Amino acid sequence: MELMDDNKPTESLNALVEALDTPDFATVLLNILRRTYPYVFALDLLTATPTMFADAFKVTGAKEDVSRKCRTFFLHAAKAAGVPLGNRILTGSVPRSTAGVKRRPKKIKEPEAEGTQSSTPTPTPPAATAITDTALEYKLIDLMREEGVEDAERSAIWTLVQYLTAKAKKKAADNLSTAS
């Protein structure tokens, strides 16, 4: 927003502080917002959809979670500056990308205490398809290459790959010693 320059307040920041709690505050803030967010003001903010609003912020190159915070900041500042905003932007939500946080699996209900019976029978789980350690190793390597895998997850996957490799080497060595 160019409110600081070399750790010193700019004229814009001084004007904003001086206008605080005065009728001029909205005008000063609006001028700063128009200068800082021209890509947002290019939209018709009364009729724009939440997705159009979110797409306008993509020019910043910020990651999705940072972009969401920027949009929230802009909306609050725009309200304070008296910018007319449509209900679609104010009440709408933009779907978050799937590249960020993974959803947690649903929790499984605890089994009921002995002696009590459930009204619905417990379904039997489908038969598990057997997978060789080598196939699992390849599957894990592919998983590491997927977009959105975080460093901690990648490290855990790599630990599993190393375990499977060591297990295969041990099995091969055991087979050699048994054969001789």
C-alpha atoms as a PDB file:
ATOM      1  CA  MET A   1       0.000   0.000   0.000  1.00  0.00           C
ATOM      2  CA  GLU A   2       3.150   2.111  -0.013  1.00  0.00           C
ATOM      3  CA  LEU A   3       2.515   3.497   3.445  1.00  0.00           C
ATOM      4  CA  MET A   4       6.142   3.034   4.539  1.00  0.00           C
ATOM      5  CA  ASP A   5       9.383   3.894   2.754  1.00  0.00           C
ATOM      6  CA  ASP A   6      12.711   2.810   4.259  1.00  0.00           C
ATOM      7  CA  ASN A   7      10.969   2.220   7.603  1.00  0.00           C
ATOM      8  CA  LYS A   8       9.585   5.760   7.566  1.00  0.00           C
ATOM      9  CA  PRO A   9       5.917   6.692   7.146  1.00  0.00           C
ATOM     10  CA  THR A  10       5.000   8.109   3.749  1.00  0.00           C
ATOM     11  CA  GLU A  11       2.804  11.138   3.149  1.00  0.00           C
ATOM     12  CA  SER A  12      -0.089   8.738   2.472  1.00  0.00           C
ATOM     13  CA  LEU A  13       0.225   7.176   5.917  1.00  0.00           C
ATOM     14  CA  ASN A  14       0.551  10.580   7.583  1.00  0.00           C
ATOM     15  CA  ALA A  15      -2.568  11.794   5.758  1.00  0.00           C
ATOM     16  CA  LEU A  16      -4.456   8.643   6.772  1.00  0.00           C
ATOM     17  CA  VAL A  17      -3.467   9.044  10.431  1.00  0.00           C
ATOM     18  CA  GLU A  18      -4.390  12.734  10.417  1.00  0.00           C
ATOM     19  CA  ALA A  19      -7.767  11.938   8.843  1.00  0.00           C
ATOM     20  CA  LEU A  20      -8.582   9.238  11.422  1.00  0.00           C
ATOM     21  CA  ASP A  21     -11.864   9.973  13.223  1.00  0.00           C
ATOM     22  CA  THR A  22     -12.652  12.831  10.834  1.00  0.00           C
ATOM     23  CA  PRO A  23     -15.134  12.998   7.945  1.00  0.00           C
ATOM     24  CA  ASP A  24     -12.150  12.974   5.532  1.00  0.00           C
ATOM     25  CA  PHE A  25     -10.977   9.500   6.604  1.00  0.00           C
ATOM     26  CA  ALA A  26     -13.133   7.615   4.079  1.00  0.00           C
ATOM     27  CA  THR A  27     -11.918   9.810   1.207  1.00  0.00           C
ATOM     28  CA  VAL A  28      -8.236   9.448   2.130  1.00  0.00           C
ATOM     29  CA  LEU A  29      -8.611   5.681   2.572  1.00  0.00           C
ATOM     30  CA  LEU A  30     -10.497   5.374  -0.727  1.00  0.00           C
ATOM     31  CA  ASN A  31      -7.669   7.165  -2.580  1.00  0.00           C
ATOM     32  CA  ILE A  32      -5.118   4.760  -1.083  1.00  0.00           C
ATOM     33  CA  LEU A  33      -7.282   1.738  -1.949  1.00  0.00           C
ATOM     34  CA  ARG A  34      -7.791   2.895  -5.558  1.00  0.00           C
ATOM     35  CA  ARG A  35      -4.040   3.406  -5.982  1.00  0.00           C
ATOM     36  CA  THR A  36      -3.153   0.062  -4.351  1.00  0.00           C
ATOM     37  CA  TYR A  37      -5.893  -2.165  -5.795  1.00  0.00           C
ATOM     38  CA  PRO A  38      -6.548  -0.949  -9.370  1.00  0.00           C
ATOM     39  CA  TYR A  39      -7.141  -4.557 -10.475  1.00  0.00           C
ATOM     40  CA  VAL A  40     -10.038  -4.837  -8.012  1.00  0.00           C
ATOM     41  CA  PHE A  41     -11.579  -1.493  -8.926  1.00  0.00           C
ATOM     42  CA  ALA A  42     -11.537  -2.636 -12.571  1.00  0.00           C
ATOM     43  CA  LEU A  43     -14.471  -4.875 -11.544  1.00  0.00           C
ATOM     44  CA  ASP A  44     -18.027  -3.727 -11.057  1.00  0.00           C
ATOM     45  CA  LEU A  45     -18.014  -4.440  -7.320  1.00  0.00           C
ATOM     46  CA  LEU A  46     -21.810  -4.280  -7.141  1.00  0.00           C
ATOM     47  CA  THR A  47     -22.355  -7.157  -9.583  1.00  0.00           C
ATOM     48  CA  ALA A  48     -19.095  -9.146  -9.437  1.00  0.00           C
ATOM     49  CA  THR A  49     -19.241 -12.756  -8.286  1.00  0.00           C
ATOM     50  CA  PRO A  50     -17.029 -14.088  -5.484  1.00  0.00           C
ATOM     51  CA  THR A  51     -14.986 -16.003  -8.069  1.00  0.00           C
ATOM     52  CA  MET A  52     -14.460 -12.867 -10.179  1.00  0.00           C
ATOM     53  CA  PHE A  53     -13.403 -11.022  -7.020  1.00  0.00           C
ATOM     54  CA  ALA A  54     -10.947 -13.801  -6.085  1.00  0.00           C
ATOM     55  CA  ASP A  55      -9.570 -13.964  -9.630  1.00  0.00           C
ATOM     56  CA  ALA A  56      -8.785 -10.239  -9.523  1.00  0.00           C
ATOM     57  CA  PHE A  57      -6.333 -10.902  -6.671  1.00  0.00           C
ATOM     58  CA  LYS A  58      -4.457 -13.564  -8.651  1.00  0.00           C
ATOM     59  CA  VAL A  59      -2.329 -10.821 -10.247  1.00  0.00           C
ATOM     60  CA  THR A  60      -0.537 -10.530  -6.895  1.00  0.00           C
ATOM     61  CA  GLY A  61       0.869 -14.045  -7.233  1.00  0.00           C
ATOM     62  CA  ALA A  62       0.079 -14.753  -3.586  1.00  0.00           C
ATOM     63  CA  LYS A  63      -0.726 -18.267  -2.408  1.00  0.00           C
ATOM     64  CA  GLU A  64      -4.403 -19.060  -1.842  1.00  0.00           C
ATOM     65  CA  ASP A  65      -4.385 -18.606   1.949  1.00  0.00           C
ATOM     66  CA  VAL A  66      -2.583 -15.249   1.676  1.00  0.00           C
ATOM     67  CA  SER A  67      -4.879 -14.164  -1.160  1.00  0.00           C
ATOM     68  CA  ARG A  68      -7.909 -14.981   1.007  1.00  0.00           C
ATOM     69  CA  LYS A  69      -6.525 -12.753   3.771  1.00  0.00           C
ATOM     70  CA  CYS A  70      -5.887  -9.966   1.235  1.00  0.00           C
ATOM     71  CA  ARG A  71      -9.487 -10.201   0.030  1.00  0.00           C
ATOM     72  CA  THR A  72     -10.781 -10.042   3.601  1.00  0.00           C
ATOM     73  CA  PHE A  73      -8.595  -7.020   4.336  1.00  0.00           C
ATOM     74  CA  PHE A  74      -9.779  -5.284   1.170  1.00  0.00           C
ATOM     75  CA  LEU A  75     -13.450  -5.879   2.011  1.00  0.00           C
ATOM     76  CA  HIS A  76     -13.063  -4.397   5.496  1.00  0.00           C
ATOM     77  CA  ALA A  77     -11.064  -1.425   4.216  1.00  0.00           C
ATOM     78  CA  ALA A  78     -13.536  -0.861   1.357  1.00  0.00           C
ATOM     79  CA  LYS A  79     -16.448  -0.815   3.817  1.00  0.00           C
ATOM     80  CA  ALA A  80     -14.591   1.738   5.948  1.00  0.00           C
ATOM     81  CA  ALA A  81     -13.957   3.830   2.819  1.00  0.00           C
ATOM     82  CA  GLY A  82     -17.617   3.680   1.815  1.00  0.00           C
ATOM     83  CA  VAL A  83     -17.037   1.662  -1.369  1.00  0.00           C
ATOM     84  CA  PRO A  84     -20.358   0.240  -2.590  1.00  0.00           C
ATOM     85  CA  LEU A  85     -20.071  -3.562  -2.571  1.00  0.00           C
ATOM     86  CA  GLY A  86     -22.585  -6.083  -3.875  1.00  0.00           C
ATOM     87  CA  ASN A  87     -24.123  -8.750  -1.673  1.00  0.00           C
ATOM     88  CA  ARG A  88     -22.600 -11.474  -3.827  1.00  0.00           C
ATOM     89  CA  ILE A  89     -19.098 -10.418  -2.804  1.00  0.00           C
ATOM     90  CA  LEU A  90     -20.044  -9.726   0.801  1.00  0.00           C
ATOM     91  CA  THR A  91     -21.900 -12.984   1.434  1.00  0.00           C
ATOM     92  CA  GLY A  92     -20.344 -15.258  -1.159  1.00  0.00           C
ATOM     93  CA  SER A  93     -17.525 -17.593  -0.473  1.00  0.00           C
ATOM     94  CA  VAL A  94     -14.894 -18.779  -2.876  1.00  0.00           C
ATOM     95  CA  PRO A  95     -14.022 -22.472  -2.822  1.00  0.00           C
ATOM     96  CA  ARG A  96     -10.539 -22.977  -1.459  1.00  0.00           C
ATOM     97  CA  SER A  97      -8.046 -24.744  -3.628  1.00  0.00           C
ATOM     98  CA  THR A  98      -7.253 -28.358  -2.862  1.00  0.00           C
ATOM     99  CA  ALA A  99      -3.544 -27.716  -2.970  1.00  0.00           C
ATOM    100  CA  GLY A 100      -3.484 -26.572   0.650  1.00  0.00           C
ATOM    101  CA  VAL A 101      -4.633 -28.418   3.713  1.00  0.00           C
ATOM    102  CA  LYS A 102      -5.843 -31.963   3.271  1.00  0.00           C
ATOM    103  CA  ARG A 103      -9.196 -32.912   4.728  1.00  0.00           C
ATOM    104  CA  ARG A 104      -9.183 -35.326   7.609  1.00  0.00           C
ATOM    105  CA  PRO A 105     -11.057 -38.577   7.190  1.00  0.00           C
ATOM    106  CA  LYS A 106     -14.321 -38.939   9.046  1.00  0.00           C
ATOM    107  CA  LYS A 107     -14.029 -40.493  12.476  1.00  0.00           C
ATOM    108  CA  ILE A 108     -15.351 -44.004  12.835  1.00  0.00           C
ATOM    109  CA  LYS A 109     -17.914 -44.488  15.577  1.00  0.00           C
ATOM    110  CA  GLU A 110     -16.758 -46.439  18.585  1.00  0.00           C
ATOM    111  CA  PRO A 111     -18.240 -49.939  18.886  1.00  0.00           C
ATOM    112  CA  GLU A 112     -21.219 -50.142  21.182  1.00  0.00           C
ATOM    113  CA  ALA A 113     -20.854 -51.650  24.625  1.00  0.00           C
ATOM    114  CA  GLU A 114     -21.419 -55.388  25.020  1.00  0.00           C
ATOM    115  CA  GLY A 115     -24.992 -56.386  25.538  1.00  0.00           C
ATOM    116  CA  THR A 116     -26.418 -53.559  23.465  1.00  0.00           C
ATOM    117  CA  GLN A 117     -27.459 -54.189  19.928  1.00  0.00           C
ATOM    118  CA  SER A 118     -27.385 -51.760  17.079  1.00  0.00           C
ATOM    119  CA  SER A 119     -30.534 -51.335  15.043  1.00  0.00           C
ATOM    120  CA  THR A 120     -28.520 -51.577  11.824  1.00  0.00           C
ATOM    121  CA  PRO A 121     -26.122 -54.419  11.118  1.00  0.00           C
ATOM    122  CA  THR A 122     -22.456 -53.558  10.747  1.00  0.00           C
ATOM    123  CA  PRO A 123     -21.466 -53.836   7.098  1.00  0.00           C
ATOM    124  CA  THR A 124     -18.545 -56.083   6.311  1.00  0.00           C
ATOM    125  CA  PRO A 125     -15.583 -54.253   4.821  1.00  0.00           C
ATOM    126  CA  PRO A 126     -14.738 -54.992   1.197  1.00  0.00           C
ATOM    127  CA  ALA A 127     -11.974 -57.519   0.624  1.00  0.00           C
ATOM    128  CA  ALA A 128      -8.606 -55.809   0.535  1.00  0.00           C
ATOM    129  CA  THR A 129      -6.692 -56.119  -2.688  1.00  0.00           C
ATOM    130  CA  ALA A 130      -3.223 -57.471  -2.005  1.00  0.00           C
ATOM    131  CA  ILE A 131      -0.400 -55.226  -3.184  1.00  0.00           C
ATOM    132  CA  THR A 132       3.231 -56.207  -3.330  1.00  0.00           C
ATOM    133  CA  ASP A 133       5.840 -54.215  -1.466  1.00  0.00           C
ATOM    134  CA  THR A 134       7.426 -53.227  -4.785  1.00  0.00           C
ATOM    135  CA  ALA A 135       4.109 -51.950  -6.142  1.00  0.00           C
ATOM    136  CA  LEU A 136       3.539 -50.055  -2.896  1.00  0.00           C
ATOM    137  CA  GLU A 137       7.002 -48.528  -3.166  1.00  0.00           C
ATOM    138  CA  TYR A 138       6.254 -47.273  -6.703  1.00  0.00           C
ATOM    139  CA  LYS A 139       2.879 -45.975  -5.567  1.00  0.00           C
ATOM    140  CA  LEU A 140       4.550 -44.052  -2.727  1.00  0.00           C
ATOM    141  CA  ILE A 141       7.127 -42.543  -5.107  1.00  0.00           C
ATOM    142  CA  ASP A 142       4.286 -41.393  -7.377  1.00  0.00           C
ATOM    143  CA  LEU A 143       2.503 -39.933  -4.356  1.00  0.00           C
ATOM    144  CA  MET A 144       5.595 -37.886  -3.448  1.00  0.00           C
ATOM    145  CA  ARG A 145       5.467 -36.237  -6.880  1.00  0.00           C
ATOM    146  CA  GLU A 146       1.846 -35.131  -6.546  1.00  0.00           C
ATOM    147  CA  GLU A 147       1.105 -31.446  -6.267  1.00  0.00           C
ATOM    148  CA  GLY A 148       0.108 -30.280  -2.808  1.00  0.00           C
ATOM    149  CA  VAL A 149       2.172 -32.797  -0.839  1.00  0.00           C
ATOM    150  CA  GLU A 150       3.813 -30.884   1.980  1.00  0.00           C
ATOM    151  CA  ASP A 151       7.424 -31.384   3.104  1.00  0.00           C
ATOM    152  CA  ALA A 152       6.479 -33.247   6.299  1.00  0.00           C
ATOM    153  CA  GLU A 153       4.286 -35.638   4.305  1.00  0.00           C
ATOM    154  CA  ARG A 154       6.997 -36.087   1.679  1.00  0.00           C
ATOM    155  CA  SER A 155       9.484 -36.924   4.446  1.00  0.00           C
ATOM    156  CA  ALA A 156       7.120 -39.500   5.952  1.00  0.00           C
ATOM    157  CA  ILE A 157       6.563 -41.097   2.540  1.00  0.00           C
ATOM    158  CA  TRP A 158      10.319 -41.247   1.957  1.00  0.00           C
ATOM    159  CA  THR A 159      10.760 -42.994   5.324  1.00  0.00           C
ATOM    160  CA  LEU A 160       8.237 -45.629   4.215  1.00  0.00           C
ATOM    161  CA  VAL A 161      10.053 -46.104   0.896  1.00  0.00           C
ATOM    162  CA  GLN A 162      13.347 -46.605   2.739  1.00  0.00           C
ATOM    163  CA  TYR A 163      11.680 -49.124   5.055  1.00  0.00           C
ATOM    164  CA  LEU A 164      10.238 -51.095   2.129  1.00  0.00           C
ATOM    165  CA  THR A 165      13.617 -51.086   0.349  1.00  0.00           C
ATOM    166  CA  ALA A 166      15.425 -52.314   3.474  1.00  0.00           C
ATOM    167  CA  LYS A 167      12.750 -54.978   3.990  1.00  0.00           C
ATOM    168  CA  ALA A 168      13.171 -56.199   0.402  1.00  0.00           C
ATOM    169  CA  LYS A 169      16.980 -56.347   0.776  1.00  0.00           C
ATOM    170  CA  LYS A 170      16.657 -58.304   4.032  1.00  0.00           C
ATOM    171  CA  LYS A 171      14.200 -60.727   2.429  1.00  0.00           C
ATOM    172  CA  ALA A 172      16.548 -61.238  -0.542  1.00  0.00           C
ATOM    173  CA  ALA A 173      19.499 -61.839   1.794  1.00  0.00           C
ATOM    174  CA  ASP A 174      17.438 -64.316   3.850  1.00  0.00           C
ATOM    175  CA  ASN A 175      16.430 -66.161   0.665  1.00  0.00           C
ATOM    176  CA  LEU A 176      20.087 -66.373  -0.426  1.00  0.00           C
ATOM    177  CA  SER A 177      21.232 -67.738   2.931  1.00  0.00           C
ATOM    178  CA  THR A 178      18.369 -70.286   2.988  1.00  0.00           C
ATOM    179  CA  ALA A 179      19.130 -71.410  -0.580  1.00  0.00           C
ATOM    180  CA  SER A 180      22.817 -72.105   0.157  1.00  0.00           C
END
